[in-house]
Amino acid sequence: MSESPEVRPQRKVREGVVASDAMNQTIIVLVNQRVRHPRYMRTISKTKRLYVHDVNNDAHVGDTVEVEETRPLSKLKRWRLVRVVERAR
């Protein structure tokens, strides 16, 4: 029998807008998700606030960023910054 390499599932990746950068090495990102209401069939916009680890304090309020799921880094942080997609004007 040959052992097959362990297959890990892909990490979740989300794109959102930075709402706050007041903390050191932490940003809050708002991620919008459009969902169809199960009963009324209308499209609803749901917003999630993600606490994201930003090592170099690169992102600022208004920037569009890409974040990736990671191990728990603190009480609330479970995401890390991958890249800044677009800077705020």
PDB file of N, CA and C in Angstrom:
ATOM      1  N   MET A   1       0.828  -1.193   0.000  1.00  0.00           N
ATOM      2  CA  MET A   1       0.000   0.000   0.000  1.00  0.00           C
ATOM      3  C   MET A   1       0.869   1.252   0.000  1.00  0.00           C
ATOM      4  N   SER A   2       0.511   2.169  -0.846  1.00  0.00           N
ATOM      5  CA  SER A   2       1.212   3.448  -0.857  1.00  0.00           C
ATOM      6  C   SER A   2       0.344   4.504  -0.167  1.00  0.00           C
ATOM      7  N   GLU A   3       1.004   5.342   0.613  1.00  0.00           N
ATOM      8  CA  GLU A   3       0.267   6.378   1.323  1.00  0.00           C
ATOM      9  C   GLU A   3       0.065   7.580   0.407  1.00  0.00           C
ATOM     10  N   SER A   4      -1.171   8.036   0.337  1.00  0.00           N
ATOM     11  CA  SER A   4      -1.453   9.205  -0.489  1.00  0.00           C
ATOM     12  C   SER A   4      -1.211  10.468   0.331  1.00  0.00           C
ATOM     13  N   PRO A   5      -0.741  11.518  -0.317  1.00  0.00           N
ATOM     14  CA  PRO A   5      -0.510  12.764   0.423  1.00  0.00           C
ATOM     15  C   PRO A   5      -1.827  13.329   0.953  1.00  0.00           C
ATOM     16  N   GLU A   6      -1.734  13.973   2.117  1.00  0.00           N
ATOM     17  CA  GLU A   6      -2.932  14.526   2.754  1.00  0.00           C
ATOM     18  C   GLU A   6      -3.473  15.689   1.924  1.00  0.00           C
ATOM     19  N   VAL A   7      -4.749  15.623   1.595  1.00  0.00           N
ATOM     20  CA  VAL A   7      -5.381  16.666   0.801  1.00  0.00           C
ATOM     21  C   VAL A   7      -6.094  17.625   1.748  1.00  0.00           C
ATOM     22  N   ARG A   8      -5.690  18.909   1.709  1.00  0.00           N
ATOM     23  CA  ARG A   8      -6.312  19.919   2.559  1.00  0.00           C
ATOM     24  C   ARG A   8      -7.330  20.710   1.758  1.00  0.00           C
ATOM     25  N   PRO A   9      -8.437  21.066   2.382  1.00  0.00           N
ATOM     26  CA  PRO A   9      -9.418  21.885   1.664  1.00  0.00           C
ATOM     27  C   PRO A   9      -8.898  23.305   1.442  1.00  0.00           C
ATOM     28  N   GLN A  10      -9.387  23.934   0.393  1.00  0.00           N
ATOM     29  CA  GLN A  10      -8.981  25.305   0.085  1.00  0.00           C
ATOM     30  C   GLN A  10      -9.489  26.251   1.168  1.00  0.00           C
ATOM     31  N   ARG A  11      -8.705  27.276   1.480  1.00  0.00           N
ATOM     32  CA  ARG A  11      -9.125  28.267   2.464  1.00  0.00           C
ATOM     33  C   ARG A  11     -10.087  29.255   1.826  1.00  0.00           C
ATOM     34  N   LYS A  12     -11.029  29.741   2.633  1.00  0.00           N
ATOM     35  CA  LYS A  12     -12.004  30.703   2.130  1.00  0.00           C
ATOM     36  C   LYS A  12     -11.317  32.034   1.833  1.00  0.00           C
ATOM     37  N   VAL A  13     -11.690  32.642   0.723  1.00  0.00           N
ATOM     38  CA  VAL A  13     -11.153  33.941   0.328  1.00  0.00           C
ATOM     39  C   VAL A  13     -12.336  34.875   0.113  1.00  0.00           C
ATOM     40  N   ARG A  14     -12.265  36.076   0.690  1.00  0.00           N
ATOM     41  CA  ARG A  14     -13.331  37.057   0.563  1.00  0.00           C
ATOM     42  C   ARG A  14     -12.742  38.408   0.150  1.00  0.00           C
ATOM     43  N   GLU A  15     -13.575  39.240  -0.456  1.00  0.00           N
ATOM     44  CA  GLU A  15     -13.166  40.584  -0.834  1.00  0.00           C
ATOM     45  C   GLU A  15     -14.121  41.570  -0.182  1.00  0.00           C
ATOM     46  N   GLY A  16     -13.558  42.625   0.406  1.00  0.00           N
ATOM     47  CA  GLY A  16     -14.402  43.597   1.088  1.00  0.00           C
ATOM     48  C   GLY A  16     -13.724  44.948   1.212  1.00  0.00           C
ATOM     49  N   VAL A  17     -14.398  45.852   1.936  1.00  0.00           N
ATOM     50  CA  VAL A  17     -13.921  47.223   2.103  1.00  0.00           C
ATOM     51  C   VAL A  17     -13.533  47.438   3.556  1.00  0.00           C
ATOM     52  N   VAL A  18     -12.386  48.089   3.777  1.00  0.00           N
ATOM     53  CA  VAL A  18     -11.901  48.346   5.129  1.00  0.00           C
ATOM     54  C   VAL A  18     -12.783  49.408   5.782  1.00  0.00           C
ATOM     55  N   ALA A  19     -13.338  49.064   6.957  1.00  0.00           N
ATOM     56  CA  ALA A  19     -14.205  49.989   7.691  1.00  0.00           C
ATOM     57  C   ALA A  19     -13.432  50.703   8.787  1.00  0.00           C
ATOM     58  N   SER A  20     -12.399  50.039   9.357  1.00  0.00           N
ATOM     59  CA  SER A  20     -11.629  50.639  10.441  1.00  0.00           C
ATOM     60  C   SER A  20     -10.198  50.116  10.410  1.00  0.00           C
ATOM     61  N   ASP A  21      -9.249  51.030  10.697  1.00  0.00           N
ATOM     62  CA  ASP A  21      -7.844  50.629  10.816  1.00  0.00           C
ATOM     63  C   ASP A  21      -7.244  51.222  12.086  1.00  0.00           C
ATOM     64  N   ALA A  22      -8.083  51.460  13.100  1.00  0.00           N
ATOM     65  CA  ALA A  22      -7.656  52.128  14.324  1.00  0.00           C
ATOM     66  C   ALA A  22      -6.737  51.264  15.193  1.00  0.00           C
ATOM     67  N   MET A  23      -6.869  49.946  15.085  1.00  0.00           N
ATOM     68  CA  MET A  23      -6.057  49.038  15.908  1.00  0.00           C
ATOM     69  C   MET A  23      -4.714  48.761  15.240  1.00  0.00           C
ATOM     70  N   ASN A  24      -3.748  48.353  16.050  1.00  0.00           N
ATOM     71  CA  ASN A  24      -2.427  48.012  15.526  1.00  0.00           C
ATOM     72  C   ASN A  24      -2.450  46.600  14.945  1.00  0.00           C
ATOM     73  N   GLN A  25      -2.053  46.447  13.699  1.00  0.00           N
ATOM     74  CA  GLN A  25      -1.995  45.178  12.970  1.00  0.00           C
ATOM     75  C   GLN A  25      -3.354  44.494  12.839  1.00  0.00           C
ATOM     76  N   THR A  26      -4.432  45.240  12.986  1.00  0.00           N
ATOM     77  CA  THR A  26      -5.777  44.694  12.821  1.00  0.00           C
ATOM     78  C   THR A  26      -6.637  45.685  12.063  1.00  0.00           C
ATOM     79  N   ILE A  27      -7.406  45.168  11.095  1.00  0.00           N
ATOM     80  CA  ILE A  27      -8.375  45.992  10.384  1.00  0.00           C
ATOM     81  C   ILE A  27      -9.729  45.301  10.452  1.00  0.00           C
ATOM     82  N   ILE A  28     -10.791  46.087  10.301  1.00  0.00           N
ATOM     83  CA  ILE A  28     -12.132  45.517  10.223  1.00  0.00           C
ATOM     84  C   ILE A  28     -12.598  45.683   8.783  1.00  0.00           C
ATOM     85  N   VAL A  29     -12.999  44.567   8.176  1.00  0.00           N
ATOM     86  CA  VAL A  29     -13.399  44.561   6.775  1.00  0.00           C
ATOM     87  C   VAL A  29     -14.881  44.223   6.679  1.00  0.00           C
ATOM     88  N   LEU A  30     -15.616  45.006   5.894  1.00  0.00           N
ATOM     89  CA  LEU A  30     -17.024  44.739   5.645  1.00  0.00           C
ATOM     90  C   LEU A  30     -17.145  43.944   4.355  1.00  0.00           C
ATOM     91  N   VAL A  31     -17.774  42.765   4.457  1.00  0.00           N
ATOM     92  CA  VAL A  31     -17.956  41.894   3.295  1.00  0.00           C
ATOM     93  C   VAL A  31     -19.448  41.815   2.998  1.00  0.00           C
ATOM     94  N   ASN A  32     -19.845  42.256   1.810  1.00  0.00           N
ATOM     95  CA  ASN A  32     -21.247  42.210   1.400  1.00  0.00           C
ATOM     96  C   ASN A  32     -21.548  40.911   0.688  1.00  0.00           C
ATOM     97  N   GLN A  33     -22.741  40.360   0.980  1.00  0.00           N
ATOM     98  CA  GLN A  33     -23.178  39.130   0.330  1.00  0.00           C
ATOM     99  C   GLN A  33     -24.628  39.312  -0.075  1.00  0.00           C
ATOM    100  N   ARG A  34     -24.923  39.074  -1.337  1.00  0.00           N
ATOM    101  CA  ARG A  34     -26.299  39.205  -1.815  1.00  0.00           C
ATOM    102  C   ARG A  34     -26.963  37.836  -1.778  1.00  0.00           C
ATOM    103  N   VAL A  35     -28.080  37.743  -1.026  1.00  0.00           N
ATOM    104  CA  VAL A  35     -28.769  36.471  -0.799  1.00  0.00           C
ATOM    105  C   VAL A  35     -30.236  36.622  -1.179  1.00  0.00           C
ATOM    106  N   ARG A  36     -30.805  35.579  -1.763  1.00  0.00           N
ATOM    107  CA  ARG A  36     -32.220  35.587  -2.100  1.00  0.00           C
ATOM    108  C   ARG A  36     -33.026  35.144  -0.880  1.00  0.00           C
ATOM    109  N   HIS A  37     -34.052  35.913  -0.532  1.00  0.00           N
ATOM    110  CA  HIS A  37     -34.897  35.569   0.611  1.00  0.00           C
ATOM    111  C   HIS A  37     -35.662  34.287   0.295  1.00  0.00           C
ATOM    112  N   PRO A  38     -35.654  33.309   1.219  1.00  0.00           N
ATOM    113  CA  PRO A  38     -36.264  32.017   0.906  1.00  0.00           C
ATOM    114  C   PRO A  38     -37.773  32.076   0.660  1.00  0.00           C
ATOM    115  N   ARG A  39     -38.454  33.018   1.327  1.00  0.00           N
ATOM    116  CA  ARG A  39     -39.902  33.087   1.173  1.00  0.00           C
ATOM    117  C   ARG A  39     -40.348  34.124   0.146  1.00  0.00           C
ATOM    118  N   TYR A  40     -39.778  35.311   0.221  1.00  0.00           N
ATOM    119  CA  TYR A  40     -40.244  36.412  -0.621  1.00  0.00           C
ATOM    120  C   TYR A  40     -39.449  36.570  -1.913  1.00  0.00           C
ATOM    121  N   MET A  41     -38.396  35.782  -2.079  1.00  0.00           N
ATOM    122  CA  MET A  41     -37.602  35.742  -3.307  1.00  0.00           C
ATOM    123  C   MET A  41     -36.999  37.090  -3.697  1.00  0.00           C
ATOM    124  N   ARG A  42     -36.862  38.012  -2.738  1.00  0.00           N
ATOM    125  CA  ARG A  42     -36.204  39.285  -3.009  1.00  0.00           C
ATOM    126  C   ARG A  42     -34.734  39.171  -2.666  1.00  0.00           C
ATOM    127  N   THR A  43     -33.904  39.926  -3.342  1.00  0.00           N
ATOM    128  CA  THR A  43     -32.476  39.909  -3.073  1.00  0.00           C
ATOM    129  C   THR A  43     -32.179  40.826  -1.895  1.00  0.00           C
ATOM    130  N   ILE A  44     -31.502  40.277  -0.887  1.00  0.00           N
ATOM    131  CA  ILE A  44     -31.163  41.017   0.317  1.00  0.00           C
ATOM    132  C   ILE A  44     -29.647  41.140   0.394  1.00  0.00           C
ATOM    133  N   SER A  45     -29.161  42.294   0.846  1.00  0.00           N
ATOM    134  CA  SER A  45     -27.732  42.498   1.019  1.00  0.00           C
ATOM    135  C   SER A  45     -27.377  42.290   2.486  1.00  0.00           C
ATOM    136  N   LYS A  46     -26.563  41.270   2.766  1.00  0.00           N
ATOM    137  CA  LYS A  46     -26.113  40.999   4.122  1.00  0.00           C
ATOM    138  C   LYS A  46     -24.656  41.432   4.257  1.00  0.00           C
ATOM    139  N   THR A  47     -24.325  42.030   5.407  1.00  0.00           N
ATOM    140  CA  THR A  47     -22.965  42.508   5.643  1.00  0.00           C
ATOM    141  C   THR A  47     -22.359  41.770   6.818  1.00  0.00           C
ATOM    142  N   LYS A  48     -21.123  41.328   6.664  1.00  0.00           N
ATOM    143  CA  LYS A  48     -20.375  40.649   7.709  1.00  0.00           C
ATOM    144  C   LYS A  48     -19.158  41.482   8.057  1.00  0.00           C
ATOM    145  N   ARG A  49     -18.850  41.617   9.357  1.00  0.00           N
ATOM    146  CA  ARG A  49     -17.661  42.347   9.811  1.00  0.00           C
ATOM    147  C   ARG A  49     -16.588  41.326  10.167  1.00  0.00           C
ATOM    148  N   LEU A  50     -15.481  41.354   9.452  1.00  0.00           N
ATOM    149  CA  LEU A  50     -14.384  40.425   9.695  1.00  0.00           C
ATOM    150  C   LEU A  50     -13.207  41.162  10.316  1.00  0.00           C
ATOM    151  N   TYR A  51     -12.646  40.587  11.382  1.00  0.00           N
ATOM    152  CA  TYR A  51     -11.432  41.128  11.988  1.00  0.00           C
ATOM    153  C   TYR A  51     -10.253  40.475  11.274  1.00  0.00           C
ATOM    154  N   VAL A  52      -9.404  41.294  10.669  1.00  0.00           N
ATOM    155  CA  VAL A  52      -8.358  40.791   9.772  1.00  0.00           C
ATOM    156  C   VAL A  52      -6.990  41.197  10.290  1.00  0.00           C
ATOM    157  N   HIS A  53      -6.034  40.246  10.242  1.00  0.00           N
ATOM    158  CA  HIS A  53      -4.657  40.492  10.654  1.00  0.00           C
ATOM    159  C   HIS A  53      -3.908  41.169   9.508  1.00  0.00           C
ATOM    160  N   ASP A  54      -3.395  42.371   9.784  1.00  0.00           N
ATOM    161  CA  ASP A  54      -2.655  43.162   8.792  1.00  0.00           C
ATOM    162  C   ASP A  54      -1.270  43.444   9.379  1.00  0.00           C
ATOM    163  N   VAL A  55      -0.292  42.597   9.039  1.00  0.00           N
ATOM    164  CA  VAL A  55       1.027  42.630   9.670  1.00  0.00           C
ATOM    165  C   VAL A  55       1.712  43.980   9.514  1.00  0.00           C
ATOM    166  N   ASN A  56       1.718  44.539   8.310  1.00  0.00           N
ATOM    167  CA  ASN A  56       2.472  45.768   8.023  1.00  0.00           C
ATOM    168  C   ASN A  56       1.633  47.036   8.096  1.00  0.00           C
ATOM    169  N   ASN A  57       0.391  46.938   8.558  1.00  0.00           N
ATOM    170  CA  ASN A  57      -0.530  48.079   8.589  1.00  0.00           C
ATOM    171  C   ASN A  57      -0.635  48.738   7.210  1.00  0.00           C
ATOM    172  N   ASP A  58      -0.796  47.912   6.166  1.00  0.00           N
ATOM    173  CA  ASP A  58      -0.863  48.394   4.784  1.00  0.00           C
ATOM    174  C   ASP A  58      -2.206  49.031   4.448  1.00  0.00           C
ATOM    175  N   ALA A  59      -3.298  48.413   4.892  1.00  0.00           N
ATOM    176  CA  ALA A  59      -4.633  48.830   4.483  1.00  0.00           C
ATOM    177  C   ALA A  59      -5.138  50.002   5.321  1.00  0.00           C
ATOM    178  N   HIS A  60      -5.920  50.867   4.662  1.00  0.00           N
ATOM    179  CA  HIS A  60      -6.514  52.012   5.339  1.00  0.00           C
ATOM    180  C   HIS A  60      -8.003  52.065   5.011  1.00  0.00           C
ATOM    181  N   VAL A  61      -8.733  52.905   5.728  1.00  0.00           N
ATOM    182  CA  VAL A  61     -10.184  52.990   5.564  1.00  0.00           C
ATOM    183  C   VAL A  61     -10.546  53.309   4.118  1.00  0.00           C
ATOM    184  N   GLY A  62     -11.484  52.533   3.567  1.00  0.00           N
ATOM    185  CA  GLY A  62     -11.943  52.741   2.198  1.00  0.00           C
ATOM    186  C   GLY A  62     -11.267  51.860   1.172  1.00  0.00           C
ATOM    187  N   ASP A  63     -10.150  51.221   1.531  1.00  0.00           N
ATOM    188  CA  ASP A  63      -9.458  50.336   0.589  1.00  0.00           C
ATOM    189  C   ASP A  63     -10.266  49.066   0.353  1.00  0.00           C
ATOM    190  N   THR A  64     -10.201  48.549  -0.863  1.00  0.00           N
ATOM    191  CA  THR A  64     -10.784  47.247  -1.164  1.00  0.00           C
ATOM    192  C   THR A  64      -9.681  46.220  -1.002  1.00  0.00           C
ATOM    193  N   VAL A  65      -9.928  45.186  -0.183  1.00  0.00           N
ATOM    194  CA  VAL A  65      -8.891  44.208   0.140  1.00  0.00           C
ATOM    195  C   VAL A  65      -9.379  42.783  -0.072  1.00  0.00           C
ATOM    196  N   GLU A  66      -8.430  41.881  -0.223  1.00  0.00           N
ATOM    197  CA  GLU A  66      -8.713  40.449  -0.319  1.00  0.00           C
ATOM    198  C   GLU A  66      -8.179  39.795   0.944  1.00  0.00           C
ATOM    199  N   VAL A  67      -9.028  39.001   1.615  1.00  0.00           N
ATOM    200  CA  VAL A  67      -8.642  38.357   2.867  1.00  0.00           C
ATOM    201  C   VAL A  67      -8.811  36.852   2.755  1.00  0.00           C
ATOM    202  N   GLU A  68      -8.044  36.129   3.580  1.00  0.00           N
ATOM    203  CA  GLU A  68      -8.057  34.670   3.547  1.00  0.00           C
ATOM    204  C   GLU A  68      -8.242  34.138   4.960  1.00  0.00           C
ATOM    205  N   GLU A  69      -9.013  33.067   5.074  1.00  0.00           N
ATOM    206  CA  GLU A  69      -9.259  32.440   6.366  1.00  0.00           C
ATOM    207  C   GLU A  69      -7.971  31.807   6.893  1.00  0.00           C
ATOM    208  N   THR A  70      -7.777  31.864   8.216  1.00  0.00           N
ATOM    209  CA  THR A  70      -6.579  31.305   8.825  1.00  0.00           C
ATOM    210  C   THR A  70      -6.919  30.767  10.206  1.00  0.00           C
ATOM    211  N   ARG A  71      -5.915  30.261  10.902  1.00  0.00           N
ATOM    212  CA  ARG A  71      -6.140  29.764  12.259  1.00  0.00           C
ATOM    213  C   ARG A  71      -6.507  30.935  13.159  1.00  0.00           C
ATOM    214  N   PRO A  72      -7.130  30.686  14.311  1.00  0.00           N
ATOM    215  CA  PRO A  72      -7.449  31.788  15.218  1.00  0.00           C
ATOM    216  C   PRO A  72      -6.188  32.500  15.701  1.00  0.00           C
ATOM    217  N   LEU A  73      -6.135  33.822  15.491  1.00  0.00           N
ATOM    218  CA  LEU A  73      -4.982  34.611  15.886  1.00  0.00           C
ATOM    219  C   LEU A  73      -5.232  35.358  17.189  1.00  0.00           C
ATOM    220  N   SER A  74      -6.493  35.573  17.529  1.00  0.00           N
ATOM    221  CA  SER A  74      -6.872  36.198  18.791  1.00  0.00           C
ATOM    222  C   SER A  74      -8.329  35.829  19.051  1.00  0.00           C
ATOM    223  N   LYS A  75      -8.945  36.515  19.996  1.00  0.00           N
ATOM    224  CA  LYS A  75     -10.336  36.212  20.347  1.00  0.00           C
ATOM    225  C   LYS A  75     -11.270  36.355  19.138  1.00  0.00           C
ATOM    226  N   LEU A  76     -11.059  37.370  18.316  1.00  0.00           N
ATOM    227  CA  LEU A  76     -11.951  37.639  17.187  1.00  0.00           C
ATOM    228  C   LEU A  76     -11.314  37.451  15.808  1.00  0.00           C
ATOM    229  N   LYS A  77      -9.989  37.498  15.726  1.00  0.00           N
ATOM    230  CA  LYS A  77      -9.321  37.448  14.419  1.00  0.00           C
ATOM    231  C   LYS A  77      -9.192  36.027  13.897  1.00  0.00           C
ATOM    232  N   ARG A  78      -9.797  35.783  12.738  1.00  0.00           N
ATOM    233  CA  ARG A  78      -9.681  34.488  12.049  1.00  0.00           C
ATOM    234  C   ARG A  78      -9.337  34.663  10.577  1.00  0.00           C
ATOM    235  N   TRP A  79      -8.971  35.858  10.172  1.00  0.00           N
ATOM    236  CA  TRP A  79      -8.670  36.157   8.776  1.00  0.00           C
ATOM    237  C   TRP A  79      -7.363  36.917   8.697  1.00  0.00           C
ATOM    238  N   ARG A  80      -6.682  36.827   7.535  1.00  0.00           N
ATOM    239  CA  ARG A  80      -5.457  37.601   7.331  1.00  0.00           C
ATOM    240  C   ARG A  80      -5.509  38.267   5.968  1.00  0.00           C
ATOM    241  N   LEU A  81      -4.830  39.394   5.875  1.00  0.00           N
ATOM    242  CA  LEU A  81      -4.814  40.184   4.648  1.00  0.00           C
ATOM    243  C   LEU A  81      -3.953  39.500   3.599  1.00  0.00           C
ATOM    244  N   VAL A  82      -4.497  39.313   2.405  1.00  0.00           N
ATOM    245  CA  VAL A  82      -3.738  38.733   1.293  1.00  0.00           C
ATOM    246  C   VAL A  82      -3.129  39.857   0.463  1.00  0.00           C
ATOM    247  N   ARG A  83      -3.976  40.818   0.038  1.00  0.00           N
ATOM    248  CA  ARG A  83      -3.482  41.935  -0.764  1.00  0.00           C
ATOM    249  C   ARG A  83      -4.504  43.060  -0.759  1.00  0.00           C
ATOM    250  N   VAL A  84      -4.012  44.248  -1.065  1.00  0.00           N
ATOM    251  CA  VAL A  84      -4.886  45.411  -1.247  1.00  0.00           C
ATOM    252  C   VAL A  84      -5.233  45.472  -2.726  1.00  0.00           C
ATOM    253  N   VAL A  85      -6.504  45.277  -3.037  1.00  0.00           N
ATOM    254  CA  VAL A  85      -6.944  45.244  -4.436  1.00  0.00           C
ATOM    255  C   VAL A  85      -6.963  46.647  -5.017  1.00  0.00           C
ATOM    256  N   GLU A  86      -7.562  47.586  -4.270  1.00  0.00           N
ATOM    257  CA  GLU A  86      -7.678  48.961  -4.762  1.00  0.00           C
ATOM    258  C   GLU A  86      -7.595  49.931  -3.589  1.00  0.00           C
ATOM    259  N   ARG A  87      -6.805  50.973  -3.767  1.00  0.00           N
ATOM    260  CA  ARG A  87      -6.660  51.993  -2.722  1.00  0.00           C
ATOM    261  C   ARG A  87      -7.840  52.959  -2.751  1.00  0.00           C
ATOM    262  N   ALA A  88      -8.175  53.519  -1.589  1.00  0.00           N
ATOM    263  CA  ALA A  88      -9.243  54.518  -1.507  1.00  0.00           C
ATOM    264  C   ALA A  88      -8.753  55.820  -2.148  1.00  0.00           C
ATOM    265  N   ARG A  89      -9.682  56.594  -2.689  1.00  0.00           N
ATOM    266  CA  ARG A  89      -9.301  57.835  -3.359  1.00  0.00           C
ATOM    267  C   ARG A  89      -9.376  59.001  -2.432  1.00  0.00           C
TER     268      ARG A  89
END
